[in-house]
Amino acid sequence: MLNPLIARFSGIPAFVNGASNVLFESCLQQVVAHERAFEMLNEGMQADDGFWPAADDWRAAYRPYNVRDGILLIPVKGVLLHEFTFALGNWATGYQYIWRAFQRGMTDEGVKGIAFICNTPGGMVAGCFDCADKMFAMRGTKPIRAFSQESAYSAGYAIASVADHVNVSATGGVGSIGVVTMHVDMSGAIDKAGFKITFIQYGKHKTDGNPYESLGKDAKARIQARIDELGEIFVTKMARNRGLDAQVIRDFEALTFTASEATSNGLADSIGSLDDAMAAFVADCSLDDGDDEMNDKTAGVDQATHTAAVNTARTEGHAAGLKEGTSAGATAAKERISAILALDESKTRQASALKIALTTDMTVDQAKGLLGTLPEEKAATAAPAASAAKPETPFEKAMTTTENPNLGSGDQSETSAATDDQSAAILGHYRAATGAPKKSAA
């Protein structure tokens, strides 16, 4: 009996790597052999309020929504199928499932980034570009990365290319940006068996491409034209997604590429294991999240003005350090922080003032101007009357107990590193005392 999924690829164009035919057929055979195959293949699209089933529903296991460390993991594995709403292990993944998981992740406040975990020879033409284009339209909303572990070929690469960054395992590959179909000529076997096939048809092209006759020249030309048209669409979309010239993609001629080749020709951005690359993605998303918090507080300031001010402060600070020496620079840094916290504008914006003082290079005047544009913060509950001997605040204690770096006229890089260590120590004291969240290191 013919596998009904393999039959869906018969005689029509496909986005599948031609060298993966054994894997391709094996995956589809496993899908059909699954105990829930009939239900999966005949369920069709679900209503919006029923796509994500309850945890005790059998479908929940095959519609995973896994968020780890703020990253939504979307499997793109096995053969990619149209009108299939599940992710069935390493055998098959539906475009509809990929899109719905992506869409949910984009609106989920607990998701900081989205990761495509790819290991696929490709899949159907139908549904592929619809899925990829909808996701591409949302690119820039949250960070997206694709991980080819081990392969992201043809339709799989179309999905992976939506990402801002493509990582390939050392032994993995990407590419196969092309289209394939097949015609089987069974006429010789039919003749040997003593059969003769007669078509009765309306329209001379009605039976073009049937397997019982040799493929005619005109029929082949029309099939080739359709393949070429789909190929050009594929090339154009991959060039758009990856920021490459379309001719570069076209000249690949549907080749597949190793990790080192892909990072050289622009189809991938980095090489590494899934664990290491994912850890880096989590760290990047944590840093982005911290930047967003600061951006929320400085939203009233023109970004160009803010950037120019920071750059000026850095230049002035560097010059002062060279002129006065590092010890003097450290003393000046303490005086700068104290001066910012003592500003009238800081009295009603204490959290913002402390963050600006500790995490930016702004001068006192620049901080004064910025604080004046920020909304006043809610006043803290009045503290009881202070005793004659007022205890030090956690910040004051940190400032008075943190030693200056013992630096002289040594190497400038050592000076910079020590100053950074001191800043980190001060910030650590503050966070420990106030319970402020720790920001991941770059």
Protein backbone atom coordinates (compact mmCIF):
# COMPACT_ATOMS: atom_id res chain seq x y z
CA MET A 1 0.00 0.00 0.00
CA LEU A 2 1.37 3.40 -0.97
CA ASN A 3 2.28 5.66 1.94
CA PRO A 4 -0.33 8.46 1.83
CA LEU A 5 2.25 11.07 2.83
CA ILE A 6 4.72 10.02 0.14
CA ALA A 7 1.80 10.17 -2.30
CA ARG A 8 1.35 13.85 -1.40
CA PHE A 9 4.81 14.52 -2.88
CA SER A 10 4.23 12.47 -6.04
CA GLY A 11 4.49 14.45 -9.24
CA ILE A 12 4.55 17.86 -7.59
CA PRO A 13 7.45 20.21 -6.75
CA ALA A 14 9.11 19.77 -3.36
CA PHE A 15 11.62 21.65 -1.22
CA VAL A 16 13.65 18.57 -0.28
CA ASN A 17 17.36 17.82 -0.43
CA GLY A 18 17.71 15.19 -3.17
CA ALA A 19 20.51 13.34 -1.36
CA SER A 20 18.27 12.76 1.66
CA ASN A 21 15.70 10.55 -0.10
CA VAL A 22 16.20 7.55 2.19
CA LEU A 23 15.81 9.69 5.31
CA PHE A 24 12.85 11.46 3.71
CA GLU A 25 10.94 8.23 3.03
CA SER A 26 11.86 6.75 6.40
CA CYS A 27 10.47 9.75 8.25
CA LEU A 28 7.17 9.58 6.41
CA GLN A 29 6.87 5.86 7.02
CA GLN A 30 7.35 6.44 10.76
CA VAL A 31 4.61 9.06 10.76
CA VAL A 32 2.11 6.75 9.10
CA ALA A 33 3.06 3.92 11.47
CA HIS A 34 2.40 6.06 14.55
CA GLU A 35 -0.54 4.95 16.70
CA ARG A 36 -2.17 8.37 16.37
CA ALA A 37 -1.43 8.77 12.65
CA PHE A 38 -5.06 8.71 11.50
CA GLU A 39 -6.07 11.41 13.98
CA MET A 40 -3.02 13.56 13.23
CA LEU A 41 -3.41 13.41 9.46
CA ASN A 42 -7.14 14.03 9.49
CA GLU A 43 -7.52 16.59 12.24
CA GLY A 44 -6.84 19.64 10.10
CA MET A 45 -6.57 23.13 11.49
CA GLN A 46 -7.81 23.84 14.98
CA ALA A 47 -9.82 26.83 16.12
CA ASP A 48 -7.83 29.52 17.88
CA ASP A 49 -9.23 28.59 21.27
CA GLY A 50 -8.43 24.90 20.88
CA PHE A 51 -5.01 24.73 19.26
CA TRP A 52 -3.14 24.46 22.56
CA PRO A 53 -4.85 21.57 24.37
CA ALA A 54 -4.93 20.83 28.08
CA ALA A 55 -1.93 19.03 29.55
CA ASP A 56 -3.88 15.76 29.89
CA ASP A 57 -4.94 15.80 26.21
CA TRP A 58 -2.93 13.39 24.02
CA ARG A 59 -2.26 16.21 21.56
CA ALA A 60 -0.32 18.23 24.13
CA ALA A 61 2.69 15.93 23.79
CA TYR A 62 2.81 16.62 20.04
CA ARG A 63 2.22 20.36 20.26
CA PRO A 64 5.08 21.29 22.56
CA TYR A 65 5.45 24.79 23.90
CA ASN A 66 8.77 24.62 25.71
CA VAL A 67 10.22 27.78 27.25
CA ARG A 68 13.59 27.45 28.98
CA ASP A 69 15.47 30.36 30.50
CA GLY A 70 13.15 32.71 28.65
CA ILE A 71 13.79 31.07 25.25
CA LEU A 72 10.97 29.37 23.32
CA LEU A 73 12.31 26.24 21.63
CA ILE A 74 10.52 25.42 18.37
CA PRO A 75 11.46 22.08 16.76
CA VAL A 76 11.88 22.10 12.97
CA LYS A 77 12.58 18.41 12.51
CA GLY A 78 11.95 15.62 10.04
CA VAL A 79 9.87 16.28 6.93
CA LEU A 80 8.00 19.60 7.01
CA LEU A 81 4.33 19.17 6.15
CA HIS A 82 1.44 21.37 5.07
CA GLU A 83 -1.88 21.02 6.94
CA PHE A 84 -0.15 19.18 9.78
CA THR A 85 -0.52 20.74 13.22
CA PHE A 86 1.98 18.66 15.19
CA ALA A 87 5.67 18.20 15.94
CA LEU A 88 6.19 14.43 15.82
CA GLY A 89 9.65 13.77 17.21
CA ASN A 90 12.42 13.66 14.61
CA TRP A 91 10.04 12.51 11.87
CA ALA A 92 7.75 15.38 10.89
CA THR A 93 6.81 18.93 11.80
CA GLY A 94 3.84 20.89 10.52
CA TYR A 95 4.17 24.42 9.18
CA GLN A 96 0.98 25.28 11.03
CA TYR A 97 2.51 24.12 14.31
CA ILE A 98 5.69 26.16 13.71
CA TRP A 99 3.70 29.29 12.96
CA ARG A 100 1.33 28.92 15.90
CA ALA A 101 4.19 28.34 18.35
CA PHE A 102 6.07 31.32 16.93
CA GLN A 103 2.98 33.52 17.09
CA ARG A 104 2.30 32.56 20.69
CA GLY A 105 5.92 33.18 21.65
CA MET A 106 5.86 36.65 20.17
CA THR A 107 2.96 37.65 22.44
CA ASP A 108 4.16 35.78 25.52
CA GLU A 109 5.75 38.22 27.99
CA GLY A 110 7.73 35.36 29.52
CA VAL A 111 9.51 34.69 26.21
CA LYS A 112 12.61 36.83 25.62
CA GLY A 113 13.78 35.06 22.46
CA ILE A 114 12.76 32.34 20.00
CA ALA A 115 14.96 29.45 18.84
CA PHE A 116 14.40 27.14 15.87
CA ILE A 117 16.02 23.75 16.56
CA CYS A 118 16.50 22.33 13.06
CA ASN A 119 17.29 18.86 11.78
CA THR A 120 15.40 18.40 8.53
CA PRO A 121 15.89 17.36 4.89
CA GLY A 122 13.12 19.78 3.85
CA GLY A 123 9.46 19.37 3.03
CA MET A 124 6.46 20.51 1.09
CA VAL A 125 6.26 23.61 -1.07
CA ALA A 126 2.66 24.21 0.02
CA GLY A 127 2.61 26.16 3.26
CA CYS A 128 6.35 26.81 3.42
CA PHE A 129 6.51 30.42 2.25
CA ASP A 130 3.24 31.32 3.96
CA CYS A 131 4.75 30.23 7.26
CA ALA A 132 8.16 31.83 6.66
CA ASP A 133 6.73 35.14 5.41
CA LYS A 134 4.41 35.57 8.38
CA MET A 135 7.28 35.00 10.76
CA PHE A 136 9.63 37.26 8.79
CA ALA A 137 7.07 40.06 9.06
CA MET A 138 7.44 39.88 12.86
CA ARG A 139 11.23 39.84 12.84
CA GLY A 140 12.66 42.55 15.05
CA THR A 141 9.99 42.14 17.72
CA LYS A 142 12.06 39.64 19.71
CA PRO A 143 15.45 38.02 19.03
CA ILE A 144 15.24 34.91 16.83
CA ARG A 145 18.00 32.34 16.29
CA ALA A 146 18.15 29.16 14.27
CA PHE A 147 20.31 26.20 15.23
CA SER A 148 21.13 23.65 12.53
CA GLN A 149 21.62 20.49 14.56
CA GLU A 150 22.50 18.78 12.24
CA SER A 151 20.82 19.93 9.04
CA ALA A 152 18.56 22.70 7.79
CA TYR A 153 18.04 21.90 4.12
CA SER A 154 15.69 23.34 1.52
CA ALA A 155 12.33 24.05 3.23
CA GLY A 156 14.15 23.72 6.55
CA TYR A 157 16.53 26.48 5.54
CA ALA A 158 13.59 28.62 4.41
CA ILE A 159 12.36 28.49 8.02
CA ALA A 160 15.84 28.94 9.54
CA SER A 161 16.53 32.00 7.37
CA VAL A 162 13.79 33.90 9.20
CA ALA A 163 16.14 34.10 12.19
CA ASP A 164 18.40 37.04 12.96
CA HIS A 165 21.29 34.60 13.42
CA VAL A 166 21.93 31.08 12.09
CA ASN A 167 24.23 28.77 14.04
CA VAL A 168 25.47 25.48 12.57
CA SER A 169 26.97 22.58 14.51
CA ALA A 170 30.54 21.69 13.53
CA THR A 171 29.33 18.64 11.60
CA GLY A 172 26.07 20.17 10.38
CA GLY A 173 25.00 21.79 7.14
CA VAL A 174 22.57 24.19 5.49
CA GLY A 175 21.46 25.06 1.97
CA SER A 176 19.83 23.07 -0.82
CA ILE A 177 17.99 26.21 -1.90
CA GLY A 178 16.20 24.68 -4.84
CA VAL A 179 13.13 22.80 -6.07
CA VAL A 180 12.70 19.23 -7.27
CA THR A 181 10.02 17.04 -8.77
CA MET A 182 10.05 13.69 -10.50
CA HIS A 183 8.39 11.90 -13.39
CA VAL A 184 8.28 8.11 -13.45
CA ASP A 185 7.99 6.52 -16.88
CA MET A 186 6.38 3.10 -16.46
CA SER A 187 5.65 2.58 -20.15
CA GLY A 188 8.44 0.02 -20.64
CA ALA A 189 7.28 -2.11 -17.73
CA ILE A 190 3.69 -1.93 -18.97
CA ASP A 191 4.73 -3.09 -22.42
CA LYS A 192 6.64 -6.03 -20.96
CA ALA A 193 3.60 -6.97 -18.93
CA GLY A 194 1.46 -6.93 -22.05
CA PHE A 195 -0.73 -4.03 -21.04
CA LYS A 196 -1.74 -1.11 -23.22
CA ILE A 197 -3.05 2.11 -21.71
CA THR A 198 -5.50 4.28 -23.70
CA PHE A 199 -6.50 7.74 -22.42
CA ILE A 200 -9.79 9.31 -23.43
CA GLN A 201 -9.58 12.99 -22.62
CA TYR A 202 -10.81 16.50 -23.28
CA GLY A 203 -7.92 18.94 -23.78
CA LYS A 204 -4.69 17.67 -25.26
CA HIS A 205 -2.67 18.49 -22.14
CA LYS A 206 -5.05 16.77 -19.71
CA THR A 207 -2.78 13.74 -19.24
CA ASP A 208 0.60 15.48 -19.49
CA GLY A 209 3.07 13.99 -17.03
CA ASN A 210 1.22 10.70 -16.46
CA PRO A 211 3.51 7.76 -15.58
CA TYR A 212 2.21 5.42 -18.30
CA GLU A 213 3.78 7.34 -21.17
CA SER A 214 7.15 8.87 -21.88
CA LEU A 215 7.31 12.52 -20.89
CA GLY A 216 6.82 14.69 -23.96
CA LYS A 217 9.08 17.62 -24.78
CA ASP A 218 6.35 20.24 -24.33
CA ALA A 219 5.16 18.71 -21.06
CA LYS A 220 8.71 18.64 -19.70
CA ALA A 221 9.23 22.29 -20.67
CA ARG A 222 6.09 23.35 -18.81
CA ILE A 223 7.09 21.40 -15.70
CA GLN A 224 10.56 22.95 -15.88
CA ALA A 225 9.04 26.43 -16.17
CA ARG A 226 7.04 25.87 -13.03
CA ILE A 227 10.10 24.59 -11.18
CA ASP A 228 12.11 27.61 -12.34
CA GLU A 229 9.41 30.00 -11.17
CA LEU A 230 9.31 28.44 -7.71
CA GLY A 231 13.11 28.41 -7.63
CA GLU A 232 13.28 32.13 -8.34
CA ILE A 233 10.78 32.83 -5.57
CA PHE A 234 12.89 30.71 -3.21
CA VAL A 235 16.07 32.57 -4.21
CA THR A 236 14.46 35.98 -3.80
CA LYS A 237 13.11 35.22 -0.34
CA MET A 238 16.38 33.73 0.92
CA ALA A 239 18.29 36.76 -0.40
CA ARG A 240 15.86 39.01 1.46
CA ASN A 241 16.00 37.02 4.68
CA ARG A 242 19.79 36.78 4.73
CA GLY A 243 20.59 40.19 3.28
CA LEU A 244 22.45 38.69 0.31
CA ASP A 245 22.41 39.47 -3.40
CA ALA A 246 19.96 37.19 -5.20
CA GLN A 247 22.61 36.22 -7.73
CA VAL A 248 24.79 34.89 -4.92
CA ILE A 249 21.99 32.55 -3.86
CA ARG A 250 21.22 31.64 -7.46
CA ASP A 251 24.85 30.71 -8.12
CA PHE A 252 24.78 28.18 -5.30
CA GLU A 253 22.74 25.99 -7.69
CA ALA A 254 20.99 24.28 -4.74
CA LEU A 255 24.25 23.01 -3.21
CA THR A 256 24.39 22.06 0.45
CA PHE A 257 27.18 23.54 2.56
CA THR A 258 29.19 22.53 5.59
CA ALA A 259 29.36 24.76 8.64
CA SER A 260 32.61 26.43 7.60
CA GLU A 261 31.40 26.93 4.03
CA ALA A 262 28.07 28.38 5.18
CA THR A 263 29.69 30.91 7.51
CA SER A 264 31.96 31.98 4.64
CA ASN A 265 29.26 32.39 1.99
CA GLY A 266 26.68 34.13 4.18
CA LEU A 267 24.14 31.37 4.79
CA ALA A 268 25.15 31.03 8.46
CA ASP A 269 26.66 33.24 11.12
CA SER A 270 28.43 30.99 13.59
CA ILE A 271 29.60 27.45 14.31
CA GLY A 272 29.13 25.73 17.63
CA SER A 273 27.40 23.10 19.70
CA LEU A 274 23.76 23.58 20.56
CA ASP A 275 24.50 23.86 24.29
CA ASP A 276 27.16 26.56 23.88
CA ALA A 277 25.24 28.50 21.24
CA MET A 278 22.04 28.36 23.27
CA ALA A 279 23.85 29.56 26.40
CA ALA A 280 25.15 32.52 24.43
CA PHE A 281 21.62 33.26 23.16
CA VAL A 282 20.22 33.18 26.70
CA ALA A 283 22.96 35.58 27.81
CA ASP A 284 22.30 37.93 24.89
CA CYS A 285 18.58 38.00 25.64
CA SER A 286 19.31 38.76 29.30
CA LEU A 287 21.51 41.68 28.27
CA ASP A 288 18.85 42.94 25.87
CA ASP A 289 16.28 42.74 28.65
CA GLY A 290 18.49 44.84 30.91
CA ASP A 291 18.99 47.40 28.17
CA ASP A 292 15.22 47.61 27.69
CA GLU A 293 14.76 48.47 31.37
CA MET A 294 17.21 51.36 31.06
CA ASN A 295 15.63 52.47 27.80
CA ASP A 296 12.24 52.64 29.52
CA LYS A 297 13.66 55.10 32.05
CA THR A 298 15.36 57.24 29.40
CA ALA A 299 12.56 57.15 26.85
CA GLY A 300 12.04 60.91 27.06
CA VAL A 301 15.56 61.62 25.81
CA ASP A 302 16.46 61.72 22.13
CA GLN A 303 18.66 58.67 21.49
CA ALA A 304 21.17 60.58 19.38
CA THR A 305 21.57 63.18 22.14
CA HIS A 306 21.97 60.47 24.77
CA THR A 307 24.56 58.58 22.71
CA ALA A 308 26.53 61.76 21.99
CA ALA A 309 26.52 62.64 25.69
CA VAL A 310 27.79 59.22 26.70
CA ASN A 311 30.52 59.30 24.06
CA THR A 312 31.59 62.78 25.21
CA ALA A 313 31.70 61.62 28.81
CA ARG A 314 33.82 58.64 27.87
CA THR A 315 36.25 60.80 25.94
CA GLU A 316 36.52 63.32 28.78
CA GLY A 317 36.91 60.58 31.34
CA HIS A 318 39.66 58.87 29.35
CA ALA A 319 41.50 62.15 28.93
CA ALA A 320 41.19 62.93 32.62
CA GLY A 321 42.51 59.51 33.51
CA LEU A 322 45.59 59.96 31.32
CA LYS A 323 46.23 63.43 32.73
CA GLU A 324 45.57 62.83 36.41
CA GLY A 325 46.49 59.16 36.85
CA THR A 326 44.26 56.28 37.82
CA SER A 327 44.10 56.89 41.57
CA ALA A 328 43.00 60.45 40.99
CA GLY A 329 40.52 59.15 38.43
CA ALA A 330 39.03 56.75 40.99
CA THR A 331 38.64 59.57 43.48
CA ALA A 332 37.01 61.71 40.81
CA ALA A 333 34.63 58.84 40.03
CA LYS A 334 33.47 58.72 43.66
CA GLU A 335 33.02 62.47 43.72
CA ARG A 336 31.03 62.30 40.46
CA ILE A 337 28.67 59.64 41.86
CA SER A 338 28.15 61.59 45.08
CA ALA A 339 27.50 64.80 43.13
CA ILE A 340 24.88 63.12 40.92
CA LEU A 341 23.09 61.66 43.94
CA ALA A 342 23.11 65.09 45.62
CA LEU A 343 21.38 66.87 42.73
CA ASP A 344 17.96 68.40 43.40
CA GLU A 345 16.66 66.41 40.41
CA SER A 346 17.81 63.20 42.13
CA LYS A 347 15.74 63.76 45.26
CA THR A 348 12.53 62.66 43.55
CA ARG A 349 14.22 60.22 41.16
CA GLN A 350 16.55 58.29 43.43
CA ALA A 351 16.45 54.95 41.60
CA SER A 352 17.10 56.56 38.22
CA ALA A 353 19.87 58.74 39.66
CA LEU A 354 21.62 55.75 41.22
CA LYS A 355 21.42 53.76 37.99
CA ILE A 356 22.77 56.67 35.93
CA ALA A 357 25.58 57.24 38.44
CA LEU A 358 26.67 53.60 38.54
CA THR A 359 26.05 52.34 35.01
CA THR A 360 26.75 55.29 32.70
CA ASP A 361 29.67 57.62 32.03
CA MET A 362 27.59 60.81 32.13
CA THR A 363 29.02 63.92 33.69
CA VAL A 364 27.15 65.61 36.55
CA ASP A 365 25.68 68.24 34.20
CA GLN A 366 24.60 65.60 31.69
CA ALA A 367 22.98 63.54 34.45
CA LYS A 368 21.22 66.66 35.73
CA GLY A 369 19.79 67.34 32.27
CA LEU A 370 18.66 63.75 31.80
CA LEU A 371 17.07 63.44 35.25
CA GLY A 372 15.14 66.62 34.63
CA THR A 373 13.35 64.95 31.73
CA LEU A 374 12.37 61.80 33.67
CA PRO A 375 9.09 61.46 35.59
CA GLU A 376 9.30 61.75 39.35
CA GLU A 377 9.28 58.46 41.21
CA LYS A 378 6.81 57.50 43.87
CA ALA A 379 8.01 58.76 47.23
CA ALA A 380 9.14 56.13 49.69
CA THR A 381 7.38 55.81 53.06
CA ALA A 382 8.81 58.32 55.48
CA ALA A 383 11.41 56.79 57.78
CA PRO A 384 11.32 57.30 61.55
CA ALA A 385 13.28 60.20 62.98
CA ALA A 386 16.99 59.56 62.73
CA SER A 387 18.99 59.04 65.88
CA ALA A 388 21.95 61.18 66.76
CA ALA A 389 24.29 58.61 65.23
CA LYS A 390 22.74 57.99 61.80
CA PRO A 391 23.78 54.54 60.39
CA GLU A 392 25.37 54.35 56.99
CA THR A 393 23.16 53.38 54.06
CA PRO A 394 24.20 50.22 52.14
CA PHE A 395 25.43 52.39 49.32
CA GLU A 396 27.46 54.64 51.64
CA LYS A 397 28.96 51.60 53.28
CA ALA A 398 29.92 50.16 49.89
CA MET A 399 31.51 53.46 48.87
CA THR A 400 33.54 53.80 52.06
CA THR A 401 34.69 50.16 52.31
CA THR A 402 35.60 49.49 48.69
CA GLU A 403 39.33 50.08 48.30
CA ASN A 404 40.80 52.03 45.43
CA PRO A 405 42.89 49.97 43.03
CA ASN A 406 46.59 50.21 43.88
CA LEU A 407 47.76 51.34 40.47
CA GLY A 408 50.60 53.46 39.31
CA SER A 409 52.06 54.07 35.90
CA GLY A 410 51.60 50.47 34.77
CA ASP A 411 50.14 49.14 31.55
CA GLN A 412 46.98 51.00 30.46
CA SER A 413 45.03 47.74 29.89
CA GLU A 414 45.69 46.70 33.51
CA THR A 415 44.47 50.12 34.64
CA SER A 416 41.24 49.71 32.69
CA ALA A 417 40.66 46.19 33.98
CA ALA A 418 41.18 47.22 37.61
CA THR A 419 38.82 50.17 37.25
CA ASP A 420 36.22 47.84 35.75
CA ASP A 421 36.69 45.45 38.69
CA GLN A 422 36.09 48.29 41.14
CA SER A 423 32.93 49.39 39.33
CA ALA A 424 31.65 45.81 39.35
CA ALA A 425 32.34 45.53 43.08
CA ILE A 426 30.45 48.75 43.87
CA LEU A 427 27.52 47.67 41.72
CA GLY A 428 27.56 44.24 43.38
CA HIS A 429 27.33 45.82 46.85
CA TYR A 430 24.38 47.91 45.70
CA ARG A 431 22.52 44.98 44.17
CA ALA A 432 23.15 42.78 47.20
CA ALA A 433 21.83 45.48 49.52
CA THR A 434 18.79 46.45 47.47
CA GLY A 435 17.82 43.12 45.93
CA ALA A 436 18.17 44.54 42.40
CA PRO A 437 18.35 41.83 39.73
CA LYS A 438 21.79 40.81 38.50
CA LYS A 439 22.48 41.61 34.86
CA SER A 440 24.22 38.90 32.86
CA ALA A 441 27.75 39.58 31.72
CA ALA A 442 28.49 40.08 28.05
